[in-house]
C-alpha atoms as a PDB file:
ATOM      1  CA  MET A   1     141.513  98.363  89.296  1.00  0.00           C
ATOM      2  CA  GLU A   2     138.903  99.274  85.456  1.00  0.00           C
ATOM      3  CA  THR A   3     135.675 100.423  86.492  1.00  0.00           C
ATOM      4  CA  ARG A   4     133.330  98.958  85.711  1.00  0.00           C
ATOM      5  CA  LYS A   5     128.824  99.671  85.676  1.00  0.00           C
ATOM      6  CA  VAL A   6     125.866 100.347  88.669  1.00  0.00           C
ATOM      7  CA  PHE A   7     123.102  99.166  87.627  1.00  0.00           C
ATOM      8  CA  LEU A   8     120.102 100.990  88.716  1.00  0.00           C
ATOM      9  CA  VAL A   9     117.173  98.905  88.006  1.00  0.00           C
ATOM     10  CA  GLY A  10     112.930  99.417  89.135  1.00  0.00           C
ATOM     11  CA  ALA A  11     111.858  95.365  90.138  1.00  0.00           C
ATOM     12  CA  GLY A  12     108.837  96.047  89.002  1.00  0.00           C
ATOM     13  CA  PRO A  13     105.643  96.185  91.080  1.00  0.00           C
ATOM     14  CA  GLY A  14     105.778  92.855  92.852  1.00  0.00           C
ATOM     15  CA  ASP A  15     104.976  90.440  90.366  1.00  0.00           C
ATOM     16  CA  PRO A  16     107.820  88.703  89.533  1.00  0.00           C
ATOM     17  CA  GLU A  17     106.897  87.840  86.034  1.00  0.00           C
ATOM     18  CA  LEU A  18     106.596  91.589  86.087  1.00  0.00           C
ATOM     19  CA  LEU A  19     110.817  92.238  86.243  1.00  0.00           C
ATOM     20  CA  THR A  20     111.935  92.973  82.290  1.00  0.00           C
ATOM     21  CA  LEU A  21     114.141  90.735  80.409  1.00  0.00           C
ATOM     22  CA  LYS A  22     117.069  93.293  80.506  1.00  0.00           C
ATOM     23  CA  ALA A  23     116.778  93.233  84.528  1.00  0.00           C
ATOM     24  CA  ALA A  24     117.052  89.409  84.547  1.00  0.00           C
ATOM     25  CA  ARG A  25     119.626  90.239  82.026  1.00  0.00           C
ATOM     26  CA  VAL A  26     121.789  91.782  83.990  1.00  0.00           C
ATOM     27  CA  LEU A  27     120.781  90.851  87.370  1.00  0.00           C
ATOM     28  CA  ARG A  28     122.034  87.241  86.333  1.00  0.00           C
ATOM     29  CA  SER A  29     125.308  88.801  85.981  1.00  0.00           C
ATOM     30  CA  ALA A  30     125.916  90.873  89.104  1.00  0.00           C
ATOM     31  CA  ASP A  31     128.293  90.755  91.554  1.00  0.00           C
ATOM     32  CA  VAL A  32     127.450  92.689  93.888  1.00  0.00           C
ATOM     33  CA  VAL A  33     123.053  93.439  94.656  1.00  0.00           C
ATOM     34  CA  LEU A  34     121.567  96.314  97.328  1.00  0.00           C
ATOM     35  CA  HIS A  35     117.968  95.526  96.863  1.00  0.00           C
ATOM     36  CA  ASP A  36     115.046  97.300  98.810  1.00  0.00           C
ATOM     37  CA  ASP A  37     113.087  95.156 101.211  1.00  0.00           C
ATOM     38  CA  LEU A  38     110.512  94.839  99.062  1.00  0.00           C
ATOM     39  CA  VAL A  39     111.834  92.627  95.978  1.00  0.00           C
ATOM     40  CA  SER A  40     110.319  89.663  96.141  1.00  0.00           C
ATOM     41  CA  ALA A  41     111.188  86.365  96.783  1.00  0.00           C
ATOM     42  CA  GLU A  42     111.367  84.758  92.873  1.00  0.00           C
ATOM     43  CA  VAL A  43     112.288  87.964  91.655  1.00  0.00           C
ATOM     44  CA  LEU A  44     115.514  88.195  94.539  1.00  0.00           C
ATOM     45  CA  ALA A  45     116.756  83.762  92.842  1.00  0.00           C
ATOM     46  CA  LEU A  46     117.901  85.413  89.483  1.00  0.00           C
ATOM     47  CA  ILE A  47     121.166  85.837  91.013  1.00  0.00           C
ATOM     48  CA  PRO A  48     124.366  84.304  90.665  1.00  0.00           C
ATOM     49  CA  PRO A  49     124.611  82.212  93.990  1.00  0.00           C
ATOM     50  CA  GLN A  50     128.740  83.893  94.331  1.00  0.00           C
ATOM     51  CA  ALA A  51     127.530  87.265  95.046  1.00  0.00           C
ATOM     52  CA  GLN A  52     127.186  90.046  97.658  1.00  0.00           C
ATOM     53  CA  VAL A  53     123.289  89.981  98.570  1.00  0.00           C
ATOM     54  CA  ILE A  54     122.723  93.300 100.938  1.00  0.00           C
ATOM     55  CA  ASN A  55     119.396  93.845 101.335  1.00  0.00           C
ATOM     56  CA  VAL A  56     119.022  98.202 102.376  1.00  0.00           C
ATOM     57  CA  GLY A  57     115.281  98.629 102.716  1.00  0.00           C
ATOM     58  CA  LYS A  58     113.284 101.288 103.653  1.00  0.00           C
ATOM     59  CA  ARG A  59     110.776 100.006 106.260  1.00  0.00           C
ATOM     60  CA  CYS A  60     108.736 102.988 108.169  1.00  0.00           C
ATOM     61  CA  GLY A  61     108.884 102.027 111.787  1.00  0.00           C
ATOM     62  CA  MET A  62     111.298  99.278 111.045  1.00  0.00           C
ATOM     63  CA  LYS A  63     115.112  99.449 111.143  1.00  0.00           C
ATOM     64  CA  SER A  64     116.554 100.677 107.676  1.00  0.00           C
ATOM     65  CA  THR A  65     119.792 101.773 106.251  1.00  0.00           C
ATOM     66  CA  PRO A  66     120.055 105.354 105.684  1.00  0.00           C
ATOM     67  CA  GLN A  67     120.444 106.796 102.126  1.00  0.00           C
ATOM     68  CA  GLU A  68     123.572 108.220 102.874  1.00  0.00           C
ATOM     69  CA  GLU A  69     124.947 104.389 104.036  1.00  0.00           C
ATOM     70  CA  ILE A  70     123.329 103.877 100.377  1.00  0.00           C
ATOM     71  CA  ASN A  71     125.109 105.945  98.384  1.00  0.00           C
ATOM     72  CA  LYS A  72     128.158 105.635 100.143  1.00  0.00           C
ATOM     73  CA  LEU A  73     128.749 101.528  99.303  1.00  0.00           C
ATOM     74  CA  LEU A  74     126.961 102.266  95.667  1.00  0.00           C
ATOM     75  CA  VAL A  75     130.302 104.078  95.347  1.00  0.00           C
ATOM     76  CA  GLN A  76     132.329 101.673  97.541  1.00  0.00           C
ATOM     77  CA  TYR A  77     132.185  98.416  95.161  1.00  0.00           C
ATOM     78  CA  GLY A  78     131.372 100.657  91.753  1.00  0.00           C
ATOM     79  CA  LEU A  79     134.932 101.330  92.633  1.00  0.00           C
ATOM     80  CA  MET A  80     136.400  97.952  93.297  1.00  0.00           C
ATOM     81  CA  GLY A  81     135.668  97.817  89.184  1.00  0.00           C
ATOM     82  CA  LEU A  82     132.341  95.115  90.221  1.00  0.00           C
ATOM     83  CA  GLN A  83     129.151  95.153  88.652  1.00  0.00           C
ATOM     84  CA  VAL A  84     126.562  96.877  90.345  1.00  0.00           C
ATOM     85  CA  VAL A  85     123.291  96.128  90.774  1.00  0.00           C
ATOM     86  CA  ARG A  86     120.876  98.297  92.964  1.00  0.00           C
ATOM     87  CA  LEU A  87     117.585  96.782  93.530  1.00  0.00           C
ATOM     88  CA  LYS A  88     114.470  99.027  93.293  1.00  0.00           C
ATOM     89  CA  GLY A  89     111.016  98.128  93.943  1.00  0.00           C
ATOM     90  CA  GLY A  90     109.728  99.676  91.149  1.00  0.00           C
ATOM     91  CA  ASP A  91     110.755 102.280  88.885  1.00  0.00           C
ATOM     92  CA  PRO A  92     114.465 103.520  90.328  1.00  0.00           C
ATOM     93  CA  PHE A  93     113.047 107.239  89.320  1.00  0.00           C
ATOM     94  CA  ILE A  94     109.496 107.790  90.591  1.00  0.00           C
ATOM     95  CA  PHE A  95     109.786 107.949  94.454  1.00  0.00           C
ATOM     96  CA  GLY A  96     112.696 105.466  94.094  1.00  0.00           C
ATOM     97  CA  ARG A  97     115.674 108.046  94.891  1.00  0.00           C
ATOM     98  CA  GLY A  98     117.314 106.931  92.427  1.00  0.00           C
ATOM     99  CA  GLY A  99     118.057 110.007  91.332  1.00  0.00           C
ATOM    100  CA  GLU A 100     119.570 110.798  94.674  1.00  0.00           C
ATOM    101  CA  GLU A 101     121.783 107.006  94.354  1.00  0.00           C
ATOM    102  CA  LEU A 102     122.220 108.251  89.945  1.00  0.00           C
ATOM    103  CA  GLU A 103     123.755 112.669  91.116  1.00  0.00           C
ATOM    104  CA  THR A 104     126.553 110.891  93.504  1.00  0.00           C
ATOM    105  CA  LEU A 105     127.866 108.332  91.161  1.00  0.00           C
ATOM    106  CA  GLN A 106     127.999 110.731  88.812  1.00  0.00           C
ATOM    107  CA  GLN A 107     129.969 113.071  91.362  1.00  0.00           C
ATOM    108  CA  ALA A 108     132.301 109.600  91.645  1.00  0.00           C
ATOM    109  CA  GLY A 109     132.971 109.733  87.925  1.00  0.00           C
ATOM    110  CA  ILE A 110     131.096 106.020  87.384  1.00  0.00           C
ATOM    111  CA  GLU A 111     129.570 105.068  85.034  1.00  0.00           C
ATOM    112  CA  VAL A 112     125.574 104.800  85.340  1.00  0.00           C
ATOM    113  CA  GLU A 113     123.253 102.909  83.450  1.00  0.00           C
ATOM    114  CA  ILE A 114     119.490 102.696  84.102  1.00  0.00           C
ATOM    115  CA  ILE A 115     116.855  99.586  83.928  1.00  0.00           C
ATOM    116  CA  PRO A 116     112.913 101.075  84.165  1.00  0.00           C
ATOM    117  CA  GLY A 117     110.556  99.333  86.015  1.00  0.00           C
ATOM    118  CA  ILE A 118     106.427  99.210  85.951  1.00  0.00           C
ATOM    119  CA  THR A 119     106.227 101.572  88.717  1.00  0.00           C
ATOM    120  CA  ALA A 120     103.271 100.706  91.339  1.00  0.00           C
ATOM    121  CA  ALA A 121     100.551 103.232  90.021  1.00  0.00           C
ATOM    122  CA  LEU A 122     101.402 101.450  86.276  1.00  0.00           C
ATOM    123  CA  GLY A 123     101.478  97.929  89.012  1.00  0.00           C
ATOM    124  CA  VAL A 124      98.079  98.830  90.605  1.00  0.00           C
ATOM    125  CA  ALA A 125      96.084 100.780  87.391  1.00  0.00           C
ATOM    126  CA  ALA A 126      96.555  96.931  85.878  1.00  0.00           C
ATOM    127  CA  GLY A 127      95.790  94.642  88.708  1.00  0.00           C
ATOM    128  CA  THR A 128      92.254  96.898  89.645  1.00  0.00           C
ATOM    129  CA  GLN A 129      91.760  97.364  86.677  1.00  0.00           C
ATOM    130  CA  ILE A 130      91.297 101.614  86.873  1.00  0.00           C
ATOM    131  CA  PRO A 131      92.609 103.330  83.235  1.00  0.00           C
ATOM    132  CA  LEU A 132      94.451 106.222  84.552  1.00  0.00           C
ATOM    133  CA  THR A 133      93.599 108.233  82.167  1.00  0.00           C
ATOM    134  CA  HIS A 134      90.512 108.387  80.005  1.00  0.00           C
ATOM    135  CA  ARG A 135      89.416 110.973  77.591  1.00  0.00           C
ATOM    136  CA  GLU A 136      86.138 111.319  78.447  1.00  0.00           C
ATOM    137  CA  LEU A 137      86.843 111.134  82.428  1.00  0.00           C
ATOM    138  CA  SER A 138      90.135 111.583  82.876  1.00  0.00           C
ATOM    139  CA  SER A 139      93.165 113.972  80.762  1.00  0.00           C
ATOM    140  CA  THR A 140      95.382 114.449  83.967  1.00  0.00           C
ATOM    141  CA  LEU A 141      97.540 112.177  85.697  1.00  0.00           C
ATOM    142  CA  ILE A 142      99.182 113.599  89.250  1.00  0.00           C
ATOM    143  CA  LEU A 143     101.909 111.293  91.084  1.00  0.00           C
ATOM    144  CA  VAL A 144     101.952 112.792  94.330  1.00  0.00           C
ATOM    145  CA  THR A 145     104.213 111.209  97.470  1.00  0.00           C
ATOM    146  CA  GLY A 146     103.024 111.049 101.535  1.00  0.00           C
ATOM    147  CA  ASN A 147     106.334 110.796 102.208  1.00  0.00           C
ATOM    148  CA  SER A 148     108.730 113.365 101.649  1.00  0.00           C
ATOM    149  CA  ARG A 149     112.055 115.089 103.178  1.00  0.00           C
ATOM    150  CA  ASN A 150     109.397 118.269 103.527  1.00  0.00           C
ATOM    151  CA  ALA A 151     107.270 118.112 105.766  1.00  0.00           C
ATOM    152  CA  GLU A 152     105.372 120.744 104.664  1.00  0.00           C
ATOM    153  CA  HIS A 153     105.388 118.172 101.561  1.00  0.00           C
ATOM    154  CA  ILE A 154     101.349 117.883 101.743  1.00  0.00           C
ATOM    155  CA  ALA A 155     101.140 122.293 101.061  1.00  0.00           C
ATOM    156  CA  ASN A 156     103.325 121.943  98.237  1.00  0.00           C
ATOM    157  CA  TRP A 157     100.218 120.708  95.858  1.00  0.00           C
ATOM    158  CA  PRO A 158      98.078 122.896  93.363  1.00  0.00           C
ATOM    159  CA  ASP A 159      95.929 125.506  94.903  1.00  0.00           C
ATOM    160  CA  ALA A 160      93.732 123.686  93.107  1.00  0.00           C
ATOM    161  CA  LEU A 161      93.847 120.216  91.149  1.00  0.00           C
ATOM    162  CA  PRO A 162      92.037 120.120  87.370  1.00  0.00           C
ATOM    163  CA  SER A 163      88.355 118.350  88.403  1.00  0.00           C
ATOM    164  CA  ASN A 164      89.731 115.167  85.152  1.00  0.00           C
ATOM    165  CA  ALA A 165      92.601 114.675  87.403  1.00  0.00           C
ATOM    166  CA  THR A 166      93.669 111.110  88.327  1.00  0.00           C
ATOM    167  CA  ILE A 167      94.903 111.749  91.653  1.00  0.00           C
ATOM    168  CA  VAL A 168      97.890 108.857  92.497  1.00  0.00           C
ATOM    169  CA  VAL A 169      99.899 109.204  95.961  1.00  0.00           C
ATOM    170  CA  TYR A 170     102.207 106.967  97.047  1.00  0.00           C
ATOM    171  CA  MET A 171     102.890 106.547 100.475  1.00  0.00           C
ATOM    172  CA  PRO A 172      99.634 107.844 101.489  1.00  0.00           C
ATOM    173  CA  GLY A 173     100.403 106.749 105.147  1.00  0.00           C
ATOM    174  CA  HIS A 174      97.829 106.197 107.589  1.00  0.00           C
ATOM    175  CA  GLN A 175      97.080 109.173 109.398  1.00  0.00           C
ATOM    176  CA  LEU A 176      94.586 110.375 106.462  1.00  0.00           C
ATOM    177  CA  PHE A 177      93.019 113.378 107.480  1.00  0.00           C
ATOM    178  CA  PRO A 178      95.842 116.335 106.583  1.00  0.00           C
ATOM    179  CA  LEU A 179      95.164 114.066 103.115  1.00  0.00           C
ATOM    180  CA  GLN A 180      92.040 114.528 102.636  1.00  0.00           C
ATOM    181  CA  GLN A 181      91.967 118.115 103.755  1.00  0.00           C
ATOM    182  CA  ARG A 182      94.250 118.937 101.812  1.00  0.00           C
ATOM    183  CA  LEU A 183      92.134 117.045  98.880  1.00  0.00           C
ATOM    184  CA  LEU A 184      88.888 118.682  99.390  1.00  0.00           C
ATOM    185  CA  SER A 185      90.715 122.111  99.359  1.00  0.00           C
ATOM    186  CA  SER A 186      92.090 122.035  96.262  1.00  0.00           C
ATOM    187  CA  GLY A 187      88.701 120.951  94.853  1.00  0.00           C
ATOM    188  CA  VAL A 188      87.970 117.780  94.705  1.00  0.00           C
ATOM    189  CA  ALA A 189      84.654 116.313  95.378  1.00  0.00           C
ATOM    190  CA  PRO A 190      83.227 114.890  98.829  1.00  0.00           C
ATOM    191  CA  GLU A 191      82.190 112.110  96.231  1.00  0.00           C
ATOM    192  CA  THR A 192      85.146 111.564  94.523  1.00  0.00           C
ATOM    193  CA  PRO A 193      85.428 107.563  94.783  1.00  0.00           C
ATOM    194  CA  CYS A 194      89.103 106.038  95.836  1.00  0.00           C
ATOM    195  CA  ALA A 195      90.983 103.642  96.001  1.00  0.00           C
ATOM    196  CA  ILE A 196      93.234 102.319  98.400  1.00  0.00           C
ATOM    197  CA  ILE A 197      95.564  99.178  97.430  1.00  0.00           C
ATOM    198  CA  SER A 198      98.068  97.000  99.698  1.00  0.00           C
ATOM    199  CA  GLY A 199     100.781  94.067  98.650  1.00  0.00           C
ATOM    200  CA  ALA A 200      99.698  95.913  94.695  1.00  0.00           C
ATOM    201  CA  THR A 201     100.332  93.113  92.433  1.00  0.00           C
ATOM    202  CA  SER A 202     101.337  90.563  94.345  1.00  0.00           C
ATOM    203  CA  GLU A 203      99.462  87.477  96.383  1.00  0.00           C
ATOM    204  CA  THR A 204      98.243  89.096  99.056  1.00  0.00           C
ATOM    205  CA  GLU A 205      96.726  92.538  96.985  1.00  0.00           C
ATOM    206  CA  GLN A 206      93.897  94.144  98.906  1.00  0.00           C
ATOM    207  CA  VAL A 207      91.807  96.568  97.450  1.00  0.00           C
ATOM    208  CA  HIS A 208      89.166  99.174  99.504  1.00  0.00           C
ATOM    209  CA  LEU A 209      87.016 101.608  97.918  1.00  0.00           C
ATOM    210  CA  THR A 210      85.813 104.683  99.316  1.00  0.00           C
ATOM    211  CA  VAL A 211      84.952 108.513  98.018  1.00  0.00           C
ATOM    212  CA  VAL A 212      87.169 111.125  99.899  1.00  0.00           C
ATOM    213  CA  ALA A 213      84.368 112.219 102.571  1.00  0.00           C
ATOM    214  CA  ASN A 214      84.886 108.525 103.827  1.00  0.00           C
ATOM    215  CA  LEU A 215      88.255 108.308 103.801  1.00  0.00           C
ATOM    216  CA  LEU A 216      89.238 108.503 107.192  1.00  0.00           C
ATOM    217  CA  ALA A 217      87.207 105.457 107.663  1.00  0.00           C
ATOM    218  CA  ALA A 218      89.848 102.672 105.404  1.00  0.00           C
ATOM    219  CA  PRO A 219      90.984 100.592 107.232  1.00  0.00           C
ATOM    220  CA  GLN A 220      94.231 100.790 107.954  1.00  0.00           C
ATOM    221  CA  LEU A 221      96.316  97.696 105.214  1.00  0.00           C
ATOM    222  CA  SER A 222      99.194  96.884 105.303  1.00  0.00           C
ATOM    223  CA  ALA A 223     102.311  98.353 103.891  1.00  0.00           C
ATOM    224  CA  PRO A 224     103.034  99.079 101.022  1.00  0.00           C
ATOM    225  CA  ARG A 225     100.097 101.730  99.886  1.00  0.00           C
ATOM    226  CA  LEU A 226      98.731 103.710  97.461  1.00  0.00           C
ATOM    227  CA  LEU A 227      95.985 105.952  97.037  1.00  0.00           C
ATOM    228  CA  VAL A 228      94.451 106.328  94.072  1.00  0.00           C
ATOM    229  CA  VAL A 229      91.689 109.344  93.263  1.00  0.00           C
ATOM    230  CA  GLY A 230      88.969 109.978  90.265  1.00  0.00           C
ATOM    231  CA  GLU A 231      85.917 108.657  88.514  1.00  0.00           C
ATOM    232  CA  VAL A 232      88.665 106.064  86.661  1.00  0.00           C
ATOM    233  CA  VAL A 233      88.070 104.407  89.927  1.00  0.00           C
ATOM    234  CA  ARG A 234      84.346 103.310  89.142  1.00  0.00           C
ATOM    235  CA  PHE A 235      86.151 101.445  87.244  1.00  0.00           C
ATOM    236  CA  ALA A 236      87.721  98.992  89.677  1.00  0.00           C
ATOM    237  CA  GLU A 237      83.710  99.113  90.880  1.00  0.00           C
ATOM    238  CA  SER A 238      82.065  97.618  88.952  1.00  0.00           C
ATOM    239  CA  ARG A 239      84.593  94.918  88.263  1.00  0.00           C
ATOM    240  CA  GLN A 240      84.930  94.410  91.816  1.00  0.00           C
ATOM    241  CA  LEU A 241      80.311  94.137  91.953  1.00  0.00           C
ATOM    242  CA  ARG A 242      81.116  91.463  88.538  1.00  0.00           C
ATOM    243  CA  LYS A 243      83.505  89.265  91.019  1.00  0.00           C
ATOM    244  CA  GLN A 244      81.068  89.150  93.943  1.00  0.00           C
ATOM    245  CA  PHE A 245      79.003  88.169  91.575  1.00  0.00           C
ATOM    246  CA  ASN A 246      80.876  85.399  90.249  1.00  0.00           C
ATOM    247  CA  ASP A 247      82.163  83.926  93.606  1.00  0.00           C
ATOM    248  CA  PHE A 248      78.452  83.349  94.604  1.00  0.00           C
ATOM    249  CA  SER A 249      78.163  79.931  93.752  1.00  0.00           C
ATOM    250  CA  VAL A 250      75.604  78.924  91.152  1.00  0.00           C
ATOM    251  CA  GLY A 251      76.409  75.060  92.591  1.00  0.00           C
ATOM    252  CA  THR A 252      75.454  75.860  96.146  1.00  0.00           C
ATOM    253  CA  GLN A 253      73.300  72.872  97.318  1.00  0.00           C
ATOM    254  CA  TYR A 254      69.867  73.706  98.367  1.00  0.00           C
ATOM    255  CA  SER A 255      67.348  71.522  99.857  1.00  0.00           C
ATOM    256  CA  GLU A 256      65.426  70.474  97.171  1.00  0.00           C
ATOM    257  CA  VAL A 257      61.719  71.893  98.270  1.00  0.00           C
ATOM    258  CA  SER A 258      58.403  70.757  96.990  1.00  0.00           C
ATOM    259  CA  PRO A 259      56.698  73.534  94.818  1.00  0.00           C
ATOM    260  CA  ASN A 260      52.577  72.719  95.883  1.00  0.00           C
ATOM    261  CA  THR A 261      53.270  71.700  99.751  1.00  0.00           C
ATOM    262  CA  GLY A 262      57.105  74.231 100.278  1.00  0.00           C
ATOM    263  CA  GLU A 263      57.763  71.067 102.128  1.00  0.00           C
ATOM    264  CA  ASN A 264      60.852  68.966 101.880  1.00  0.00           C
ATOM    265  CA  PRO A 265      59.827  66.050  99.460  1.00  0.00           C
ATOM    266  CA  ALA A 266      60.700  62.631 101.934  1.00  0.00           C
END
């Protein structure tokens, strides 16, 4: 039987309108789709009704499909001559284990095509209006993860982070003390602004603005979360102030007061 391609497809950060045209086209012709738990219902609706759809998502603290089982399923369906789509949130090659799946498929002699997606860091940048780089503020962008096979992953960070760096931490978790200490020991100033973003680009998006020194007091926003650290976060602060001002209703009904007596007119 002819072996067809397996597509590793990025579904983007949450907003279904950020899915690429190529990803949508491939989904519409899929025979089998193995998808992450966080892929939106609007994106999943593009899958043809006759296709087999398998949720292989991973959520912290919840039952999930081991990566080894996902690899096995990809090879199994790929060898059956079906058009297989592995649909991932964000981009397959940015903390999406796409490299592990690519390696497994290549070793099995299965052709693979990668369709990139908008990674969560870029979705957050757009949604919160935080420019990840800026000629005057940030010429270095660092993407790291708070979730790794290596329990000492934080210790693998550089000993000294550039003062003009923007740091984006994927899956920072709720226990922020080790992360805060690593930032401080790497030279990040305590007053450096940072933002915790939950559900980026989705209708349930939440943003908490703070500084590194106050990270431990941050609310526990629901997953998926990102942490952005750097001077560029101040752009989000300005946006938040404008939003608060605009949300103040200039049409609020006040009781009319007489300028002379200070009393309500009859």
